[in-house]
Amino acid sequence: MLKVVIILLLIGIAVSLFGGLAFMFRDAEIPDSKRTLYALGIRVSLASILLLLVFYGLHTGQLSFQAPWHKY
């Protein structure tokens, strides 16, 4: 379940990144537009939640540093 949430957060970060890029180009002539700033805030929030979930997963043992191809 944790891995699915992490993947969804990564997808959300990518969507926010490209949304901010689109807002930056669309709102180039509008000096008071805050949509790019809001997209950045959403992306930073999602990245913070992602880091917390990864640390939680490592702490609880649901995630590990061992790569699947290095089984010793």
PDB file of N, CA and C in Angstrom:
ATOM      1  N   MET A   1       0.817  -1.189   0.000  1.00  0.00           N
ATOM      2  CA  MET A   1       0.000   0.000   0.000  1.00  0.00           C
ATOM      3  C   MET A   1       0.866   1.260   0.000  1.00  0.00           C
ATOM      4  N   LEU A   2       1.948   1.245   0.758  1.00  0.00           N
ATOM      5  CA  LEU A   2       2.826   2.400   0.847  1.00  0.00           C
ATOM      6  C   LEU A   2       3.489   2.700  -0.499  1.00  0.00           C
ATOM      7  N   LYS A   3       3.870   1.670  -1.209  1.00  0.00           N
ATOM      8  CA  LYS A   3       4.510   1.860  -2.512  1.00  0.00           C
ATOM      9  C   LYS A   3       3.547   2.481  -3.518  1.00  0.00           C
ATOM     10  N   VAL A   4       2.284   2.128  -3.440  1.00  0.00           N
ATOM     11  CA  VAL A   4       1.278   2.708  -4.338  1.00  0.00           C
ATOM     12  C   VAL A   4       1.113   4.197  -4.048  1.00  0.00           C
ATOM     13  N   VAL A   5       1.086   4.561  -2.785  1.00  0.00           N
ATOM     14  CA  VAL A   5       0.951   5.972  -2.408  1.00  0.00           C
ATOM     15  C   VAL A   5       2.175   6.752  -2.870  1.00  0.00           C
ATOM     16  N   ILE A   6       3.363   6.158  -2.761  1.00  0.00           N
ATOM     17  CA  ILE A   6       4.584   6.819  -3.213  1.00  0.00           C
ATOM     18  C   ILE A   6       4.549   7.041  -4.722  1.00  0.00           C
ATOM     19  N   ILE A   7       4.102   6.058  -5.469  1.00  0.00           N
ATOM     20  CA  ILE A   7       3.988   6.201  -6.928  1.00  0.00           C
ATOM     21  C   ILE A   7       2.975   7.284  -7.279  1.00  0.00           C
ATOM     22  N   LEU A   8       1.845   7.322  -6.578  1.00  0.00           N
ATOM     23  CA  LEU A   8       0.845   8.354  -6.834  1.00  0.00           C
ATOM     24  C   LEU A   8       1.384   9.752  -6.525  1.00  0.00           C
ATOM     25  N   LEU A   9       2.162   9.873  -5.468  1.00  0.00           N
ATOM     26  CA  LEU A   9       2.768  11.162  -5.153  1.00  0.00           C
ATOM     27  C   LEU A   9       3.770  11.579  -6.224  1.00  0.00           C
ATOM     28  N   LEU A  10       4.548  10.645  -6.740  1.00  0.00           N
ATOM     29  CA  LEU A  10       5.478  10.965  -7.819  1.00  0.00           C
ATOM     30  C   LEU A  10       4.744  11.439  -9.063  1.00  0.00           C
ATOM     31  N   ILE A  11       3.643  10.799  -9.373  1.00  0.00           N
ATOM     32  CA  ILE A  11       2.830  11.228 -10.518  1.00  0.00           C
ATOM     33  C   ILE A  11       2.257  12.616 -10.262  1.00  0.00           C
ATOM     34  N   GLY A  12       1.786  12.864  -9.040  1.00  0.00           N
ATOM     35  CA  GLY A  12       1.264  14.183  -8.689  1.00  0.00           C
ATOM     36  C   GLY A  12       2.318  15.270  -8.788  1.00  0.00           C
ATOM     37  N   ILE A  13       3.542  14.961  -8.402  1.00  0.00           N
ATOM     38  CA  ILE A  13       4.634  15.924  -8.515  1.00  0.00           C
ATOM     39  C   ILE A  13       4.919  16.245  -9.980  1.00  0.00           C
ATOM     40  N   ALA A  14       4.922  15.224 -10.823  1.00  0.00           N
ATOM     41  CA  ALA A  14       5.162  15.451 -12.254  1.00  0.00           C
ATOM     42  C   ALA A  14       4.044  16.281 -12.871  1.00  0.00           C
ATOM     43  N   VAL A  15       2.799  15.994 -12.510  1.00  0.00           N
ATOM     44  CA  VAL A  15       1.665  16.766 -13.039  1.00  0.00           C
ATOM     45  C   VAL A  15       1.757  18.223 -12.595  1.00  0.00           C
ATOM     46  N   SER A  16       2.119  18.444 -11.346  1.00  0.00           N
ATOM     47  CA  SER A  16       2.271  19.806 -10.833  1.00  0.00           C
ATOM     48  C   SER A  16       3.416  20.527 -11.537  1.00  0.00           C
ATOM     49  N   LEU A  17       4.485  19.809 -11.822  1.00  0.00           N
ATOM     50  CA  LEU A  17       5.624  20.401 -12.515  1.00  0.00           C
ATOM     51  C   LEU A  17       5.231  20.887 -13.909  1.00  0.00           C
ATOM     52  N   PHE A  18       4.581  20.023 -14.673  1.00  0.00           N
ATOM     53  CA  PHE A  18       4.188  20.409 -16.023  1.00  0.00           C
ATOM     54  C   PHE A  18       3.042  21.413 -16.026  1.00  0.00           C
ATOM     55  N   GLY A  19       2.180  21.348 -15.021  1.00  0.00           N
ATOM     56  CA  GLY A  19       1.130  22.355 -14.892  1.00  0.00           C
ATOM     57  C   GLY A  19       1.715  23.729 -14.625  1.00  0.00           C
ATOM     58  N   GLY A  20       2.711  23.802 -13.756  1.00  0.00           N
ATOM     59  CA  GLY A  20       3.380  25.068 -13.486  1.00  0.00           C
ATOM     60  C   GLY A  20       4.075  25.619 -14.722  1.00  0.00           C
ATOM     61  N   LEU A  21       4.663  24.734 -15.512  1.00  0.00           N
ATOM     62  CA  LEU A  21       5.293  25.161 -16.758  1.00  0.00           C
ATOM     63  C   LEU A  21       4.262  25.735 -17.726  1.00  0.00           C
ATOM     64  N   ALA A  22       3.127  25.073 -17.834  1.00  0.00           N
ATOM     65  CA  ALA A  22       2.069  25.567 -18.717  1.00  0.00           C
ATOM     66  C   ALA A  22       1.528  26.903 -18.219  1.00  0.00           C
ATOM     67  N   PHE A  23       1.334  27.031 -16.895  1.00  0.00           N
ATOM     68  CA  PHE A  23       0.856  28.298 -16.351  1.00  0.00           C
ATOM     69  C   PHE A  23       1.871  29.414 -16.583  1.00  0.00           C
ATOM     70  N   MET A  24       3.154  29.098 -16.504  1.00  0.00           N
ATOM     71  CA  MET A  24       4.177  30.111 -16.696  1.00  0.00           C
ATOM     72  C   MET A  24       4.127  30.662 -18.115  1.00  0.00           C
ATOM     73  N   PHE A  25       3.922  29.785 -19.104  1.00  0.00           N
ATOM     74  CA  PHE A  25       3.855  30.247 -20.483  1.00  0.00           C
ATOM     75  C   PHE A  25       2.536  30.962 -20.783  1.00  0.00           C
ATOM     76  N   ARG A  26       1.421  30.455 -20.249  1.00  0.00           N
ATOM     77  CA  ARG A  26       0.119  31.069 -20.517  1.00  0.00           C
ATOM     78  C   ARG A  26      -0.022  32.435 -19.861  1.00  0.00           C
ATOM     79  N   ASP A  27       0.530  32.576 -18.671  1.00  0.00           N
ATOM     80  CA  ASP A  27       0.348  33.801 -17.904  1.00  0.00           C
ATOM     81  C   ASP A  27       1.537  34.746 -18.019  1.00  0.00           C
ATOM     82  N   ALA A  28       2.287  34.663 -19.108  1.00  0.00           N
ATOM     83  CA  ALA A  28       3.468  35.515 -19.267  1.00  0.00           C
ATOM     84  C   ALA A  28       3.080  36.986 -19.362  1.00  0.00           C
ATOM     85  N   GLU A  29       1.933  37.283 -19.946  1.00  0.00           N
ATOM     86  CA  GLU A  29       1.504  38.673 -20.105  1.00  0.00           C
ATOM     87  C   GLU A  29       0.728  39.198 -18.905  1.00  0.00           C
ATOM     88  N   ILE A  30       0.350  38.318 -17.995  1.00  0.00           N
ATOM     89  CA  ILE A  30      -0.444  38.718 -16.827  1.00  0.00           C
ATOM     90  C   ILE A  30       0.496  38.826 -15.630  1.00  0.00           C
ATOM     91  N   PRO A  31       0.853  40.035 -15.206  1.00  0.00           N
ATOM     92  CA  PRO A  31       1.851  40.159 -14.129  1.00  0.00           C
ATOM     93  C   PRO A  31       1.327  39.755 -12.753  1.00  0.00           C
ATOM     94  N   ASP A  32       0.024  39.788 -12.523  1.00  0.00           N
ATOM     95  CA  ASP A  32      -0.520  39.487 -11.200  1.00  0.00           C
ATOM     96  C   ASP A  32      -0.962  38.039 -11.034  1.00  0.00           C
ATOM     97  N   SER A  33      -0.667  37.185 -12.002  1.00  0.00           N
ATOM     98  CA  SER A  33      -1.106  35.796 -11.923  1.00  0.00           C
ATOM     99  C   SER A  33      -0.255  35.026 -10.920  1.00  0.00           C
ATOM    100  N   LYS A  34      -0.918  34.254 -10.085  1.00  0.00           N
ATOM    101  CA  LYS A  34      -0.231  33.483  -9.038  1.00  0.00           C
ATOM    102  C   LYS A  34      -0.323  31.978  -9.286  1.00  0.00           C
ATOM    103  N   ARG A  35      -0.795  31.574 -10.465  1.00  0.00           N
ATOM    104  CA  ARG A  35      -0.993  30.140 -10.704  1.00  0.00           C
ATOM    105  C   ARG A  35       0.325  29.365 -10.699  1.00  0.00           C
ATOM    106  N   THR A  36       1.404  29.951 -11.227  1.00  0.00           N
ATOM    107  CA  THR A  36       2.698  29.277 -11.209  1.00  0.00           C
ATOM    108  C   THR A  36       3.197  29.118  -9.777  1.00  0.00           C
ATOM    109  N   LEU A  37       2.992  30.130  -8.969  1.00  0.00           N
ATOM    110  CA  LEU A  37       3.388  30.072  -7.568  1.00  0.00           C
ATOM    111  C   LEU A  37       2.601  29.002  -6.813  1.00  0.00           C
ATOM    112  N   TYR A  38       1.314  28.899  -7.086  1.00  0.00           N
ATOM    113  CA  TYR A  38       0.492  27.881  -6.440  1.00  0.00           C
ATOM    114  C   TYR A  38       0.922  26.475  -6.868  1.00  0.00           C
ATOM    115  N   ALA A  39       1.266  26.312  -8.153  1.00  0.00           N
ATOM    116  CA  ALA A  39       1.745  25.006  -8.625  1.00  0.00           C
ATOM    117  C   ALA A  39       3.051  24.634  -7.927  1.00  0.00           C
ATOM    118  N   LEU A  40       3.922  25.627  -7.709  1.00  0.00           N
ATOM    119  CA  LEU A  40       5.163  25.373  -6.989  1.00  0.00           C
ATOM    120  C   LEU A  40       4.880  24.970  -5.545  1.00  0.00           C
ATOM    121  N   GLY A  41       3.945  25.639  -4.909  1.00  0.00           N
ATOM    122  CA  GLY A  41       3.583  25.292  -3.531  1.00  0.00           C
ATOM    123  C   GLY A  41       3.031  23.885  -3.420  1.00  0.00           C
ATOM    124  N   ILE A  42       2.208  23.497  -4.381  1.00  0.00           N
ATOM    125  CA  ILE A  42       1.661  22.137  -4.386  1.00  0.00           C
ATOM    126  C   ILE A  42       2.777  21.124  -4.583  1.00  0.00           C
ATOM    127  N   ARG A  43       3.708  21.428  -5.497  1.00  0.00           N
ATOM    128  CA  ARG A  43       4.805  20.498  -5.765  1.00  0.00           C
ATOM    129  C   ARG A  43       5.707  20.343  -4.547  1.00  0.00           C
ATOM    130  N   VAL A  44       6.012  21.438  -3.868  1.00  0.00           N
ATOM    131  CA  VAL A  44       6.851  21.362  -2.675  1.00  0.00           C
ATOM    132  C   VAL A  44       6.134  20.588  -1.569  1.00  0.00           C
ATOM    133  N   SER A  45       4.839  20.799  -1.424  1.00  0.00           N
ATOM    134  CA  SER A  45       4.070  20.066  -0.415  1.00  0.00           C
ATOM    135  C   SER A  45       4.057  18.570  -0.705  1.00  0.00           C
ATOM    136  N   LEU A  46       3.816  18.209  -1.960  1.00  0.00           N
ATOM    137  CA  LEU A  46       3.810  16.792  -2.329  1.00  0.00           C
ATOM    138  C   LEU A  46       5.184  16.160  -2.137  1.00  0.00           C
ATOM    139  N   ALA A  47       6.247  16.901  -2.451  1.00  0.00           N
ATOM    140  CA  ALA A  47       7.599  16.370  -2.262  1.00  0.00           C
ATOM    141  C   ALA A  47       7.904  16.176  -0.779  1.00  0.00           C
ATOM    142  N   SER A  48       7.435  17.082   0.065  1.00  0.00           N
ATOM    143  CA  SER A  48       7.638  16.930   1.510  1.00  0.00           C
ATOM    144  C   SER A  48       6.908  15.705   2.041  1.00  0.00           C
ATOM    145  N   ILE A  49       5.677  15.517   1.601  1.00  0.00           N
ATOM    146  CA  ILE A  49       4.913  14.337   2.010  1.00  0.00           C
ATOM    147  C   ILE A  49       5.598  13.062   1.516  1.00  0.00           C
ATOM    148  N   LEU A  50       6.129  13.110   0.303  1.00  0.00           N
ATOM    149  CA  LEU A  50       6.844  11.961  -0.251  1.00  0.00           C
ATOM    150  C   LEU A  50       8.064  11.616   0.590  1.00  0.00           C
ATOM    151  N   LEU A  51       8.850  12.612   0.968  1.00  0.00           N
ATOM    152  CA  LEU A  51      10.019  12.352   1.808  1.00  0.00           C
ATOM    153  C   LEU A  51       9.625  11.769   3.161  1.00  0.00           C
ATOM    154  N   LEU A  52       8.578  12.307   3.754  1.00  0.00           N
ATOM    155  CA  LEU A  52       8.119  11.772   5.037  1.00  0.00           C
ATOM    156  C   LEU A  52       7.669  10.320   4.904  1.00  0.00           C
ATOM    157  N   LEU A  53       6.966  10.007   3.819  1.00  0.00           N
ATOM    158  CA  LEU A  53       6.521   8.624   3.619  1.00  0.00           C
ATOM    159  C   LEU A  53       7.695   7.676   3.381  1.00  0.00           C
ATOM    160  N   VAL A  54       8.699   8.128   2.659  1.00  0.00           N
ATOM    161  CA  VAL A  54       9.873   7.277   2.431  1.00  0.00           C
ATOM    162  C   VAL A  54      10.605   7.035   3.750  1.00  0.00           C
ATOM    163  N   PHE A  55      10.774   8.086   4.554  1.00  0.00           N
ATOM    164  CA  PHE A  55      11.409   7.905   5.857  1.00  0.00           C
ATOM    165  C   PHE A  55      10.583   6.989   6.752  1.00  0.00           C
ATOM    166  N   TYR A  56       9.274   7.139   6.714  1.00  0.00           N
ATOM    167  CA  TYR A  56       8.401   6.260   7.495  1.00  0.00           C
ATOM    168  C   TYR A  56       8.538   4.809   7.027  1.00  0.00           C
ATOM    169  N   GLY A  57       8.543   4.610   5.722  1.00  0.00           N
ATOM    170  CA  GLY A  57       8.682   3.261   5.188  1.00  0.00           C
ATOM    171  C   GLY A  57      10.008   2.626   5.540  1.00  0.00           C
ATOM    172  N   LEU A  58      11.075   3.407   5.522  1.00  0.00           N
ATOM    173  CA  LEU A  58      12.386   2.878   5.914  1.00  0.00           C
ATOM    174  C   LEU A  58      12.430   2.569   7.401  1.00  0.00           C
ATOM    175  N   HIS A  59      11.811   3.416   8.205  1.00  0.00           N
ATOM    176  CA  HIS A  59      11.812   3.215   9.652  1.00  0.00           C
ATOM    177  C   HIS A  59      11.011   1.975  10.060  1.00  0.00           C
ATOM    178  N   THR A  60       9.878   1.754   9.408  1.00  0.00           N
ATOM    179  CA  THR A  60       9.036   0.617   9.760  1.00  0.00           C
ATOM    180  C   THR A  60       9.467  -0.680   9.074  1.00  0.00           C
ATOM    181  N   GLY A  61      10.356  -0.588   8.105  1.00  0.00           N
ATOM    182  CA  GLY A  61      10.812  -1.789   7.417  1.00  0.00           C
ATOM    183  C   GLY A  61       9.994  -2.148   6.193  1.00  0.00           C
ATOM    184  N   GLN A  62       9.019  -1.342   5.827  1.00  0.00           N
ATOM    185  CA  GLN A  62       8.230  -1.614   4.630  1.00  0.00           C
ATOM    186  C   GLN A  62       9.038  -1.337   3.361  1.00  0.00           C
ATOM    187  N   LEU A  63      10.021  -0.454   3.464  1.00  0.00           N
ATOM    188  CA  LEU A  63      10.939  -0.164   2.365  1.00  0.00           C
ATOM    189  C   LEU A  63      12.343  -0.498   2.823  1.00  0.00           C
ATOM    190  N   SER A  64      13.211  -0.848   1.876  1.00  0.00           N
ATOM    191  CA  SER A  64      14.590  -1.154   2.248  1.00  0.00           C
ATOM    192  C   SER A  64      15.526  -0.568   1.204  1.00  0.00           C
ATOM    193  N   PHE A  65      16.798  -0.436   1.591  1.00  0.00           N
ATOM    194  CA  PHE A  65      17.806   0.088   0.686  1.00  0.00           C
ATOM    195  C   PHE A  65      18.326  -0.967  -0.278  1.00  0.00           C
ATOM    196  N   GLN A  66      18.062  -2.218  -0.009  1.00  0.00           N
ATOM    197  CA  GLN A  66      18.615  -3.305  -0.809  1.00  0.00           C
ATOM    198  C   GLN A  66      17.919  -3.371  -2.164  1.00  0.00           C
ATOM    199  N   ALA A  67      18.723  -3.370  -3.216  1.00  0.00           N
ATOM    200  CA  ALA A  67      18.188  -3.490  -4.571  1.00  0.00           C
ATOM    201  C   ALA A  67      17.743  -4.937  -4.814  1.00  0.00           C
ATOM    202  N   PRO A  68      16.692  -5.143  -5.597  1.00  0.00           N
ATOM    203  CA  PRO A  68      16.188  -6.508  -5.798  1.00  0.00           C
ATOM    204  C   PRO A  68      17.160  -7.408  -6.533  1.00  0.00           C
ATOM    205  N   TRP A  69      18.092  -6.861  -7.312  1.00  0.00           N
ATOM    206  CA  TRP A  69      19.021  -7.692  -8.035  1.00  0.00           C
ATOM    207  C   TRP A  69      20.264  -8.046  -7.216  1.00  0.00           C
ATOM    208  N   HIS A  70      20.381  -7.506  -5.976  1.00  0.00           N
ATOM    209  CA  HIS A  70      21.487  -7.836  -5.091  1.00  0.00           C
ATOM    210  C   HIS A  70      20.992  -8.672  -3.914  1.00  0.00           C
ATOM    211  N   LYS A  71      20.627  -9.881  -4.176  1.00  0.00           N
ATOM    212  CA  LYS A  71      20.146 -10.765  -3.109  1.00  0.00           C
ATOM    213  C   LYS A  71      21.296 -11.652  -2.657  1.00  0.00           C
ATOM    214  N   TYR A  72      21.848 -11.331  -1.507  1.00  0.00           N
ATOM    215  CA  TYR A  72      22.957 -12.095  -0.940  1.00  0.00           C
ATOM    216  C   TYR A  72      22.503 -12.853   0.260  1.00  0.00           C
TER     217      TYR A  72
END
